[in-house]
Amino acid sequence: MYFAGDFRSYLERKRPVSAVLTLLLGVLIAVAASVAAGATDIAHPSMLAAWFPISGFVLYEALKAPWSATFFRRTGDTWLGTCSFYLVNYALTNLVAGGAAIGASALLLARGPQQANMVAIVLFLILLVLRNVWMGHRYAKLIEVNGGTWRSRYLRSAPARLARLHTVVIVGALLFIVCNAGLDRWTEF
């Protein structure tokens, strides 16, 4: 979902090579992170089942930053400045959000590591939504020269679109969990 949003964003900006390459990169990282998370014991207190997917998000953004700095920096910006912008605002914020989500879930949940891993991933995704809303605001300010209202610039920004997509997925997943609550009682028959 995360890299599919980038894929769509690159296609909309008429960057098909970047779209395909980020899709392939995202798929490779997602498969590797999923296999690693699936191979760990979800009940283990190290919370590796949550760390592996979060690490995948961090790695994806860290690898994408030099690409963006090389091919998509704004006129007048340096490669190092652009790369640093993406590393700090995406890769580092993914790492911080992941650490905060894992720390918060470990502190808040005494029910067991299985729930802690799931809560950590949901909290992480919520933090990504908040980060993307914030970045959408920043981009709307940065692209004032393109015209249009602030709202239209915000809604056109890739981070805002990704925030909406993540929100739909999180709400859908939470509704699924809530609607499924207590269903295990019926499976005992």
N, C-alpha and C. Protein backbone atom coordinates (compact mmCIF):
# COMPACT_ATOMS: atom_id res chain seq x y z
N MET A 1 0.82 -1.17 0.00
CA MET A 1 0.00 0.00 0.00
C MET A 1 0.88 1.26 0.00
N TYR A 2 1.90 1.25 0.83
CA TYR A 2 2.77 2.42 0.98
C TYR A 2 3.48 2.73 -0.33
N PHE A 3 4.13 1.73 -0.89
CA PHE A 3 4.86 1.97 -2.13
C PHE A 3 3.92 2.05 -3.33
N ALA A 4 2.72 1.47 -3.22
CA ALA A 4 1.73 1.61 -4.29
C ALA A 4 1.28 3.07 -4.38
N GLY A 5 1.23 3.76 -3.25
CA GLY A 5 0.92 5.19 -3.26
C GLY A 5 2.01 5.98 -3.96
N ASP A 6 3.26 5.61 -3.72
CA ASP A 6 4.38 6.26 -4.43
C ASP A 6 4.32 5.96 -5.92
N PHE A 7 3.99 4.72 -6.27
CA PHE A 7 3.87 4.31 -7.66
C PHE A 7 2.84 5.21 -8.38
N ARG A 8 1.69 5.35 -7.76
CA ARG A 8 0.63 6.17 -8.35
C ARG A 8 1.08 7.63 -8.46
N SER A 9 1.73 8.12 -7.42
CA SER A 9 2.20 9.50 -7.41
C SER A 9 3.19 9.75 -8.55
N TYR A 10 4.12 8.83 -8.73
CA TYR A 10 5.09 8.99 -9.81
C TYR A 10 4.41 8.93 -11.18
N LEU A 11 3.44 8.05 -11.34
CA LEU A 11 2.73 7.98 -12.61
C LEU A 11 1.98 9.27 -12.90
N GLU A 12 1.32 9.82 -11.88
CA GLU A 12 0.58 11.07 -12.06
C GLU A 12 1.50 12.22 -12.42
N ARG A 13 2.75 12.16 -11.96
CA ARG A 13 3.71 13.22 -12.29
C ARG A 13 4.52 12.89 -13.54
N LYS A 14 4.06 11.88 -14.27
CA LYS A 14 4.67 11.47 -15.54
C LYS A 14 6.13 11.04 -15.36
N ARG A 15 6.34 10.19 -14.38
CA ARG A 15 7.66 9.63 -14.10
C ARG A 15 7.56 8.11 -14.09
N PRO A 16 7.31 7.49 -15.26
CA PRO A 16 7.04 6.05 -15.29
C PRO A 16 8.22 5.18 -14.86
N VAL A 17 9.45 5.58 -15.17
CA VAL A 17 10.61 4.77 -14.76
C VAL A 17 10.70 4.74 -13.23
N SER A 18 10.53 5.88 -12.60
CA SER A 18 10.56 5.93 -11.14
C SER A 18 9.40 5.14 -10.55
N ALA A 19 8.25 5.22 -11.20
CA ALA A 19 7.08 4.48 -10.72
C ALA A 19 7.38 2.98 -10.68
N VAL A 20 7.91 2.46 -11.77
CA VAL A 20 8.19 1.02 -11.85
C VAL A 20 9.31 0.63 -10.88
N LEU A 21 10.37 1.43 -10.83
CA LEU A 21 11.49 1.09 -9.94
C LEU A 21 11.09 1.14 -8.47
N THR A 22 10.30 2.13 -8.07
CA THR A 22 9.87 2.17 -6.66
C THR A 22 8.89 1.05 -6.36
N LEU A 23 8.07 0.67 -7.34
CA LEU A 23 7.17 -0.46 -7.13
C LEU A 23 7.97 -1.75 -6.92
N LEU A 24 8.97 -1.98 -7.77
CA LEU A 24 9.81 -3.17 -7.62
C LEU A 24 10.57 -3.15 -6.30
N LEU A 25 11.15 -2.00 -5.95
CA LEU A 25 11.86 -1.86 -4.69
C LEU A 25 10.92 -2.13 -3.52
N GLY A 26 9.74 -1.54 -3.57
CA GLY A 26 8.76 -1.73 -2.51
C GLY A 26 8.33 -3.18 -2.36
N VAL A 27 8.09 -3.85 -3.48
CA VAL A 27 7.68 -5.25 -3.43
C VAL A 27 8.80 -6.11 -2.83
N LEU A 28 10.03 -5.89 -3.26
CA LEU A 28 11.16 -6.67 -2.72
C LEU A 28 11.30 -6.47 -1.21
N ILE A 29 11.24 -5.23 -0.77
CA ILE A 29 11.38 -4.94 0.66
C ILE A 29 10.20 -5.48 1.44
N ALA A 30 8.98 -5.32 0.90
CA ALA A 30 7.78 -5.81 1.60
C ALA A 30 7.81 -7.33 1.75
N VAL A 31 8.23 -8.03 0.70
CA VAL A 31 8.30 -9.49 0.77
C VAL A 31 9.36 -9.91 1.79
N ALA A 32 10.53 -9.29 1.73
CA ALA A 32 11.60 -9.65 2.67
C ALA A 32 11.18 -9.36 4.12
N ALA A 33 10.59 -8.19 4.36
CA ALA A 33 10.16 -7.83 5.71
C ALA A 33 9.04 -8.75 6.19
N SER A 34 8.13 -9.11 5.30
CA SER A 34 7.03 -9.99 5.67
C SER A 34 7.52 -11.39 6.00
N VAL A 35 8.43 -11.90 5.18
CA VAL A 35 8.98 -13.23 5.44
C VAL A 35 9.75 -13.23 6.76
N ALA A 36 10.55 -12.20 6.99
CA ALA A 36 11.31 -12.11 8.25
C ALA A 36 10.36 -12.02 9.44
N ALA A 37 9.32 -11.20 9.33
CA ALA A 37 8.35 -11.08 10.43
C ALA A 37 7.60 -12.38 10.65
N GLY A 38 7.24 -13.03 9.56
CA GLY A 38 6.51 -14.30 9.66
C GLY A 38 7.35 -15.43 10.21
N ALA A 39 8.66 -15.32 10.06
CA ALA A 39 9.56 -16.38 10.55
C ALA A 39 9.88 -16.21 12.04
N THR A 40 9.47 -15.09 12.62
CA THR A 40 9.75 -14.86 14.04
C THR A 40 8.56 -15.33 14.88
N ASP A 41 8.83 -15.57 16.11
CA ASP A 41 7.80 -15.96 17.06
C ASP A 41 7.05 -14.71 17.49
N ILE A 42 5.76 -14.66 17.15
CA ILE A 42 4.99 -13.46 17.45
C ILE A 42 4.86 -13.23 18.95
N ALA A 43 5.04 -14.27 19.73
CA ALA A 43 4.93 -14.15 21.18
C ALA A 43 6.26 -13.77 21.84
N HIS A 44 7.32 -13.63 21.05
CA HIS A 44 8.63 -13.30 21.63
C HIS A 44 8.64 -11.85 22.09
N PRO A 45 9.15 -11.58 23.28
CA PRO A 45 9.12 -10.22 23.82
C PRO A 45 10.00 -9.21 23.08
N SER A 46 10.86 -9.66 22.18
CA SER A 46 11.72 -8.73 21.43
C SER A 46 10.92 -7.89 20.44
N MET A 47 9.71 -8.30 20.15
CA MET A 47 8.81 -7.61 19.21
C MET A 47 9.39 -7.53 17.80
N LEU A 48 10.15 -8.55 17.40
CA LEU A 48 10.70 -8.58 16.05
C LEU A 48 9.60 -8.63 15.00
N ALA A 49 8.46 -9.21 15.34
CA ALA A 49 7.35 -9.29 14.39
C ALA A 49 6.87 -7.89 14.00
N ALA A 50 7.07 -6.92 14.84
CA ALA A 50 6.74 -5.53 14.50
C ALA A 50 7.95 -4.79 13.94
N TRP A 51 9.15 -5.09 14.46
CA TRP A 51 10.35 -4.39 14.01
C TRP A 51 10.67 -4.65 12.54
N PHE A 52 10.46 -5.86 12.06
CA PHE A 52 10.80 -6.16 10.66
C PHE A 52 9.99 -5.33 9.67
N PRO A 53 8.65 -5.26 9.80
CA PRO A 53 7.92 -4.40 8.85
C PRO A 53 8.28 -2.92 8.99
N ILE A 54 8.47 -2.46 10.21
CA ILE A 54 8.85 -1.06 10.41
C ILE A 54 10.21 -0.80 9.76
N SER A 55 11.14 -1.72 9.91
CA SER A 55 12.46 -1.59 9.27
C SER A 55 12.33 -1.54 7.75
N GLY A 56 11.37 -2.27 7.21
CA GLY A 56 11.12 -2.22 5.77
C GLY A 56 10.71 -0.83 5.32
N PHE A 57 9.86 -0.17 6.09
CA PHE A 57 9.45 1.21 5.77
C PHE A 57 10.66 2.14 5.79
N VAL A 58 11.51 1.97 6.80
CA VAL A 58 12.70 2.82 6.95
C VAL A 58 13.65 2.59 5.77
N LEU A 59 13.91 1.34 5.46
CA LEU A 59 14.82 1.00 4.37
C LEU A 59 14.31 1.53 3.03
N TYR A 60 13.03 1.37 2.78
CA TYR A 60 12.44 1.86 1.53
C TYR A 60 12.69 3.35 1.35
N GLU A 61 12.40 4.13 2.39
CA GLU A 61 12.60 5.58 2.28
C GLU A 61 14.08 5.95 2.21
N ALA A 62 14.92 5.21 2.93
CA ALA A 62 16.36 5.50 2.90
C ALA A 62 16.94 5.24 1.51
N LEU A 63 16.46 4.21 0.83
CA LEU A 63 16.94 3.91 -0.51
C LEU A 63 16.34 4.84 -1.56
N LYS A 64 15.15 5.32 -1.32
CA LYS A 64 14.48 6.22 -2.26
C LYS A 64 15.04 7.64 -2.21
N ALA A 65 15.59 8.06 -1.06
CA ALA A 65 16.08 9.43 -0.89
C ALA A 65 17.16 9.82 -1.90
N PRO A 66 18.21 9.01 -2.11
CA PRO A 66 19.22 9.40 -3.10
C PRO A 66 18.65 9.46 -4.53
N TRP A 67 17.71 8.58 -4.83
CA TRP A 67 17.07 8.60 -6.15
C TRP A 67 16.34 9.92 -6.36
N SER A 68 15.55 10.30 -5.36
CA SER A 68 14.80 11.55 -5.45
C SER A 68 15.73 12.76 -5.53
N ALA A 69 16.82 12.71 -4.77
CA ALA A 69 17.78 13.82 -4.78
C ALA A 69 18.49 13.92 -6.13
N THR A 70 18.74 12.79 -6.76
CA THR A 70 19.44 12.79 -8.04
C THR A 70 18.56 13.28 -9.18
N PHE A 71 17.31 12.82 -9.21
CA PHE A 71 16.48 13.09 -10.38
C PHE A 71 15.36 14.12 -10.18
N PHE A 72 15.01 14.43 -8.94
CA PHE A 72 13.83 15.26 -8.74
C PHE A 72 14.03 16.46 -7.82
N ARG A 73 15.26 16.89 -7.64
CA ARG A 73 15.45 18.05 -6.77
C ARG A 73 15.03 19.32 -7.51
N ARG A 74 14.58 20.27 -6.72
CA ARG A 74 14.13 21.54 -7.28
C ARG A 74 15.32 22.36 -7.76
N THR A 75 15.07 23.23 -8.70
CA THR A 75 16.10 24.11 -9.22
C THR A 75 16.67 24.94 -8.08
N GLY A 76 17.99 24.95 -7.96
CA GLY A 76 18.66 25.71 -6.92
C GLY A 76 18.97 24.91 -5.67
N ASP A 77 18.34 23.76 -5.50
CA ASP A 77 18.62 22.92 -4.33
C ASP A 77 19.83 22.02 -4.62
N THR A 78 20.60 21.73 -3.59
CA THR A 78 21.75 20.84 -3.76
C THR A 78 21.31 19.39 -3.61
N TRP A 79 22.14 18.49 -4.14
CA TRP A 79 21.84 17.06 -4.01
C TRP A 79 21.83 16.68 -2.53
N LEU A 80 22.83 17.13 -1.79
CA LEU A 80 22.93 16.78 -0.37
C LEU A 80 21.75 17.34 0.42
N GLY A 81 21.37 18.55 0.13
CA GLY A 81 20.24 19.16 0.82
C GLY A 81 18.94 18.41 0.56
N THR A 82 18.72 18.02 -0.70
CA THR A 82 17.50 17.30 -1.06
C THR A 82 17.51 15.89 -0.47
N CYS A 83 18.64 15.22 -0.56
CA CYS A 83 18.75 13.87 0.00
C CYS A 83 18.53 13.92 1.52
N SER A 84 19.14 14.89 2.17
CA SER A 84 18.96 15.04 3.62
C SER A 84 17.51 15.32 3.97
N PHE A 85 16.85 16.15 3.16
CA PHE A 85 15.44 16.44 3.39
C PHE A 85 14.62 15.15 3.40
N TYR A 86 14.82 14.31 2.39
CA TYR A 86 14.05 13.05 2.31
C TYR A 86 14.45 12.07 3.40
N LEU A 87 15.75 11.99 3.69
CA LEU A 87 16.18 11.07 4.75
C LEU A 87 15.60 11.47 6.11
N VAL A 88 15.65 12.74 6.42
CA VAL A 88 15.16 13.21 7.73
C VAL A 88 13.64 13.14 7.79
N ASN A 89 12.97 13.67 6.77
CA ASN A 89 11.51 13.79 6.82
C ASN A 89 10.76 12.50 6.53
N TYR A 90 11.44 11.50 5.98
CA TYR A 90 10.75 10.24 5.70
C TYR A 90 11.42 9.05 6.40
N ALA A 91 12.67 8.76 6.07
CA ALA A 91 13.32 7.59 6.67
C ALA A 91 13.47 7.74 8.19
N LEU A 92 13.99 8.88 8.62
CA LEU A 92 14.18 9.08 10.06
C LEU A 92 12.85 9.16 10.81
N THR A 93 11.87 9.83 10.23
CA THR A 93 10.56 9.88 10.91
C THR A 93 9.91 8.51 10.96
N ASN A 94 10.15 7.66 9.95
CA ASN A 94 9.66 6.28 10.02
C ASN A 94 10.32 5.54 11.18
N LEU A 95 11.62 5.74 11.33
CA LEU A 95 12.36 5.08 12.41
C LEU A 95 11.87 5.57 13.78
N VAL A 96 11.72 6.86 13.93
CA VAL A 96 11.26 7.43 15.20
C VAL A 96 9.82 6.98 15.49
N ALA A 97 8.97 7.02 14.48
CA ALA A 97 7.58 6.57 14.66
C ALA A 97 7.54 5.10 15.04
N GLY A 98 8.39 4.29 14.41
CA GLY A 98 8.44 2.87 14.75
C GLY A 98 8.90 2.63 16.17
N GLY A 99 9.95 3.34 16.58
CA GLY A 99 10.44 3.21 17.95
C GLY A 99 9.41 3.66 18.96
N ALA A 100 8.73 4.78 18.65
CA ALA A 100 7.69 5.27 19.56
C ALA A 100 6.52 4.31 19.64
N ALA A 101 6.12 3.75 18.52
CA ALA A 101 5.00 2.81 18.50
C ALA A 101 5.34 1.54 19.28
N ILE A 102 6.54 1.03 19.08
CA ILE A 102 6.93 -0.18 19.81
C ILE A 102 7.07 0.11 21.30
N GLY A 103 7.68 1.24 21.63
CA GLY A 103 7.81 1.60 23.04
C GLY A 103 6.47 1.79 23.71
N ALA A 104 5.55 2.49 23.03
CA ALA A 104 4.23 2.74 23.61
C ALA A 104 3.44 1.45 23.76
N SER A 105 3.50 0.58 22.76
CA SER A 105 2.73 -0.67 22.86
C SER A 105 3.30 -1.58 23.93
N ALA A 106 4.60 -1.58 24.10
CA ALA A 106 5.21 -2.40 25.15
C ALA A 106 4.83 -1.89 26.54
N LEU A 107 4.74 -0.57 26.68
CA LEU A 107 4.37 0.00 27.97
C LEU A 107 2.88 -0.13 28.27
N LEU A 108 2.06 0.02 27.24
CA LEU A 108 0.62 0.04 27.45
C LEU A 108 -0.02 -1.34 27.59
N LEU A 109 0.61 -2.33 27.02
CA LEU A 109 -0.05 -3.63 26.98
C LEU A 109 0.63 -4.65 27.88
N ALA A 110 -0.12 -5.12 28.81
CA ALA A 110 0.38 -6.18 29.69
C ALA A 110 -0.29 -7.50 29.33
N ARG A 111 -1.09 -7.52 28.27
CA ARG A 111 -1.84 -8.72 27.91
C ARG A 111 -0.98 -9.75 27.19
N GLY A 112 0.12 -9.35 26.61
CA GLY A 112 0.98 -10.32 25.94
C GLY A 112 1.61 -9.76 24.70
N PRO A 113 2.73 -10.33 24.29
CA PRO A 113 3.48 -9.84 23.14
C PRO A 113 2.71 -9.89 21.83
N GLN A 114 1.78 -10.85 21.65
CA GLN A 114 1.04 -10.90 20.40
C GLN A 114 0.28 -9.60 20.18
N GLN A 115 -0.46 -9.18 21.19
CA GLN A 115 -1.19 -7.94 21.07
C GLN A 115 -0.24 -6.75 20.96
N ALA A 116 0.88 -6.80 21.64
CA ALA A 116 1.84 -5.69 21.59
C ALA A 116 2.36 -5.50 20.17
N ASN A 117 2.66 -6.57 19.46
CA ASN A 117 3.14 -6.46 18.08
C ASN A 117 2.07 -5.84 17.18
N MET A 118 0.84 -6.30 17.31
CA MET A 118 -0.24 -5.77 16.47
C MET A 118 -0.50 -4.30 16.78
N VAL A 119 -0.53 -3.97 18.06
CA VAL A 119 -0.77 -2.58 18.45
C VAL A 119 0.37 -1.70 17.96
N ALA A 120 1.61 -2.19 18.02
CA ALA A 120 2.75 -1.40 17.56
C ALA A 120 2.62 -1.07 16.07
N ILE A 121 2.20 -2.02 15.28
CA ILE A 121 2.07 -1.76 13.84
C ILE A 121 0.93 -0.79 13.56
N VAL A 122 -0.19 -0.93 14.27
CA VAL A 122 -1.30 0.01 14.08
C VAL A 122 -0.89 1.41 14.53
N LEU A 123 -0.23 1.52 15.67
CA LEU A 123 0.25 2.83 16.13
C LEU A 123 1.24 3.43 15.13
N PHE A 124 2.11 2.60 14.60
CA PHE A 124 3.08 3.06 13.60
C PHE A 124 2.35 3.64 12.39
N LEU A 125 1.34 2.94 11.89
CA LEU A 125 0.61 3.44 10.73
C LEU A 125 -0.14 4.74 11.05
N ILE A 126 -0.66 4.85 12.26
CA ILE A 126 -1.33 6.09 12.67
C ILE A 126 -0.31 7.24 12.69
N LEU A 127 0.88 6.97 13.21
CA LEU A 127 1.92 8.01 13.22
C LEU A 127 2.35 8.39 11.81
N LEU A 128 2.35 7.42 10.88
CA LEU A 128 2.67 7.75 9.48
C LEU A 128 1.60 8.64 8.88
N VAL A 129 0.34 8.38 9.22
CA VAL A 129 -0.74 9.24 8.72
C VAL A 129 -0.51 10.67 9.21
N LEU A 130 -0.21 10.82 10.49
CA LEU A 130 0.03 12.16 11.05
C LEU A 130 1.22 12.83 10.38
N ARG A 131 2.29 12.08 10.16
CA ARG A 131 3.46 12.63 9.47
C ARG A 131 3.10 13.07 8.05
N ASN A 132 2.32 12.26 7.36
CA ASN A 132 1.97 12.59 5.98
C ASN A 132 1.01 13.77 5.89
N VAL A 133 0.13 13.92 6.87
CA VAL A 133 -0.72 15.11 6.92
C VAL A 133 0.16 16.35 7.09
N TRP A 134 1.12 16.26 8.01
CA TRP A 134 2.05 17.37 8.25
C TRP A 134 2.87 17.68 6.99
N MET A 135 3.38 16.63 6.33
CA MET A 135 4.17 16.85 5.12
C MET A 135 3.31 17.42 3.99
N GLY A 136 2.06 17.00 3.92
CA GLY A 136 1.14 17.58 2.93
C GLY A 136 0.97 19.07 3.14
N HIS A 137 0.89 19.48 4.41
CA HIS A 137 0.82 20.91 4.73
C HIS A 137 2.08 21.63 4.27
N ARG A 138 3.22 21.02 4.53
CA ARG A 138 4.50 21.64 4.11
C ARG A 138 4.58 21.77 2.59
N TYR A 139 4.19 20.70 1.88
CA TYR A 139 4.24 20.74 0.42
C TYR A 139 3.28 21.79 -0.14
N ALA A 140 2.11 21.92 0.47
CA ALA A 140 1.15 22.93 0.00
C ALA A 140 1.76 24.32 0.10
N LYS A 141 2.54 24.55 1.13
CA LYS A 141 3.22 25.85 1.29
C LYS A 141 4.37 25.98 0.27
N LEU A 142 5.12 24.89 0.06
CA LEU A 142 6.27 24.93 -0.85
C LEU A 142 5.86 25.17 -2.30
N ILE A 143 4.70 24.68 -2.69
CA ILE A 143 4.31 24.78 -4.10
C ILE A 143 3.30 25.89 -4.35
N GLU A 144 3.37 26.95 -3.55
CA GLU A 144 2.49 28.11 -3.75
C GLU A 144 2.64 28.70 -5.14
N VAL A 145 3.84 28.62 -5.70
CA VAL A 145 4.09 29.21 -7.01
C VAL A 145 3.29 28.50 -8.11
N ASN A 146 2.81 27.29 -7.84
CA ASN A 146 2.02 26.55 -8.84
C ASN A 146 0.59 27.05 -8.92
N GLY A 147 0.21 27.94 -8.03
CA GLY A 147 -1.14 28.50 -8.05
C GLY A 147 -2.16 27.59 -7.39
N GLY A 148 -3.40 28.01 -7.44
CA GLY A 148 -4.48 27.26 -6.82
C GLY A 148 -4.60 27.61 -5.34
N THR A 149 -5.65 27.13 -4.75
CA THR A 149 -5.86 27.38 -3.33
C THR A 149 -4.94 26.48 -2.51
N TRP A 150 -4.76 26.86 -1.25
CA TRP A 150 -3.95 26.03 -0.37
C TRP A 150 -4.55 24.63 -0.28
N ARG A 151 -5.87 24.55 -0.17
CA ARG A 151 -6.55 23.26 -0.05
C ARG A 151 -6.31 22.39 -1.28
N SER A 152 -6.39 22.97 -2.47
CA SER A 152 -6.18 22.17 -3.69
C SER A 152 -4.74 21.70 -3.77
N ARG A 153 -3.79 22.55 -3.37
CA ARG A 153 -2.38 22.13 -3.39
C ARG A 153 -2.16 21.02 -2.37
N TYR A 154 -2.77 21.14 -1.20
CA TYR A 154 -2.64 20.11 -0.17
C TYR A 154 -3.20 18.79 -0.68
N LEU A 155 -4.40 18.81 -1.24
CA LEU A 155 -5.04 17.58 -1.70
C LEU A 155 -4.29 16.94 -2.87
N ARG A 156 -3.55 17.73 -3.65
CA ARG A 156 -2.76 17.20 -4.76
C ARG A 156 -1.44 16.59 -4.31
N SER A 157 -1.01 16.94 -3.10
CA SER A 157 0.31 16.47 -2.66
C SER A 157 0.30 14.97 -2.40
N ALA A 158 1.41 14.33 -2.74
CA ALA A 158 1.53 12.88 -2.54
C ALA A 158 1.39 12.48 -1.07
N PRO A 159 1.99 13.21 -0.11
CA PRO A 159 1.82 12.80 1.29
C PRO A 159 0.36 12.87 1.75
N ALA A 160 -0.39 13.87 1.30
CA ALA A 160 -1.80 13.97 1.71
C ALA A 160 -2.60 12.81 1.13
N ARG A 161 -2.33 12.46 -0.12
CA ARG A 161 -3.04 11.31 -0.73
C ARG A 161 -2.70 10.03 0.01
N LEU A 162 -1.43 9.86 0.37
CA LEU A 162 -1.02 8.67 1.11
C LEU A 162 -1.64 8.64 2.50
N ALA A 163 -1.77 9.80 3.13
CA ALA A 163 -2.41 9.87 4.45
C ALA A 163 -3.87 9.44 4.35
N ARG A 164 -4.56 9.87 3.29
CA ARG A 164 -5.96 9.44 3.11
C ARG A 164 -6.04 7.94 2.89
N LEU A 165 -5.15 7.40 2.08
CA LEU A 165 -5.15 5.97 1.81
C LEU A 165 -4.88 5.18 3.09
N HIS A 166 -3.88 5.59 3.86
CA HIS A 166 -3.58 4.92 5.12
C HIS A 166 -4.76 5.00 6.08
N THR A 167 -5.42 6.15 6.14
CA THR A 167 -6.56 6.32 7.04
C THR A 167 -7.67 5.34 6.69
N VAL A 168 -7.97 5.20 5.41
CA VAL A 168 -9.00 4.26 4.98
C VAL A 168 -8.63 2.83 5.38
N VAL A 169 -7.38 2.46 5.19
CA VAL A 169 -6.94 1.11 5.54
C VAL A 169 -7.00 0.88 7.05
N ILE A 170 -6.55 1.86 7.82
CA ILE A 170 -6.56 1.72 9.29
C ILE A 170 -8.00 1.62 9.79
N VAL A 171 -8.86 2.49 9.32
CA VAL A 171 -10.27 2.45 9.75
C VAL A 171 -10.90 1.12 9.34
N GLY A 172 -10.64 0.69 8.13
CA GLY A 172 -11.17 -0.60 7.68
C GLY A 172 -10.68 -1.75 8.53
N ALA A 173 -9.39 -1.76 8.84
CA ALA A 173 -8.83 -2.84 9.67
C ALA A 173 -9.42 -2.80 11.08
N LEU A 174 -9.55 -1.61 11.64
CA LEU A 174 -10.12 -1.49 12.98
C LEU A 174 -11.59 -1.91 12.99
N LEU A 175 -12.35 -1.56 11.95
CA LEU A 175 -13.73 -2.01 11.85
C LEU A 175 -13.81 -3.53 11.74
N PHE A 176 -12.91 -4.10 10.97
CA PHE A 176 -12.87 -5.56 10.84
C PHE A 176 -12.60 -6.21 12.19
N ILE A 177 -11.66 -5.67 12.93
CA ILE A 177 -11.33 -6.22 14.24
C ILE A 177 -12.51 -6.07 15.19
N VAL A 178 -13.13 -4.89 15.20
CA VAL A 178 -14.28 -4.65 16.09
C VAL A 178 -15.45 -5.55 15.71
N CYS A 179 -15.74 -5.66 14.44
CA CYS A 179 -16.86 -6.50 13.99
C CYS A 179 -16.61 -7.98 14.25
N ASN A 180 -15.37 -8.36 14.30
CA ASN A 180 -15.01 -9.76 14.53
C ASN A 180 -14.88 -10.06 16.02
N ALA A 181 -14.99 -9.05 16.87
CA ALA A 181 -14.84 -9.24 18.31
C ALA A 181 -15.87 -10.24 18.80
N GLY A 182 -15.42 -11.24 19.52
CA GLY A 182 -16.32 -12.25 20.07
C GLY A 182 -16.67 -13.36 19.12
N LEU A 183 -16.20 -13.30 17.88
CA LEU A 183 -16.54 -14.33 16.90
C LEU A 183 -16.00 -15.69 17.30
N ASP A 184 -14.90 -15.71 18.05
CA ASP A 184 -14.31 -16.98 18.45
C ASP A 184 -15.26 -17.79 19.33
N ARG A 185 -16.21 -17.16 19.99
CA ARG A 185 -17.19 -17.89 20.81
C ARG A 185 -18.05 -18.78 19.95
N TRP A 186 -18.32 -18.33 18.75
CA TRP A 186 -19.19 -19.10 17.86
C TRP A 186 -18.45 -20.27 17.21
N THR A 187 -17.15 -20.23 17.19
CA THR A 187 -16.39 -21.31 16.57
C THR A 187 -16.21 -22.49 17.50
N GLU A 188 -16.61 -22.36 18.76
CA GLU A 188 -16.45 -23.45 19.71
C GLU A 188 -17.47 -24.57 19.47
N PHE A 189 -18.54 -24.28 18.76
CA PHE A 189 -19.59 -25.29 18.58
C PHE A 189 -19.21 -26.37 17.64
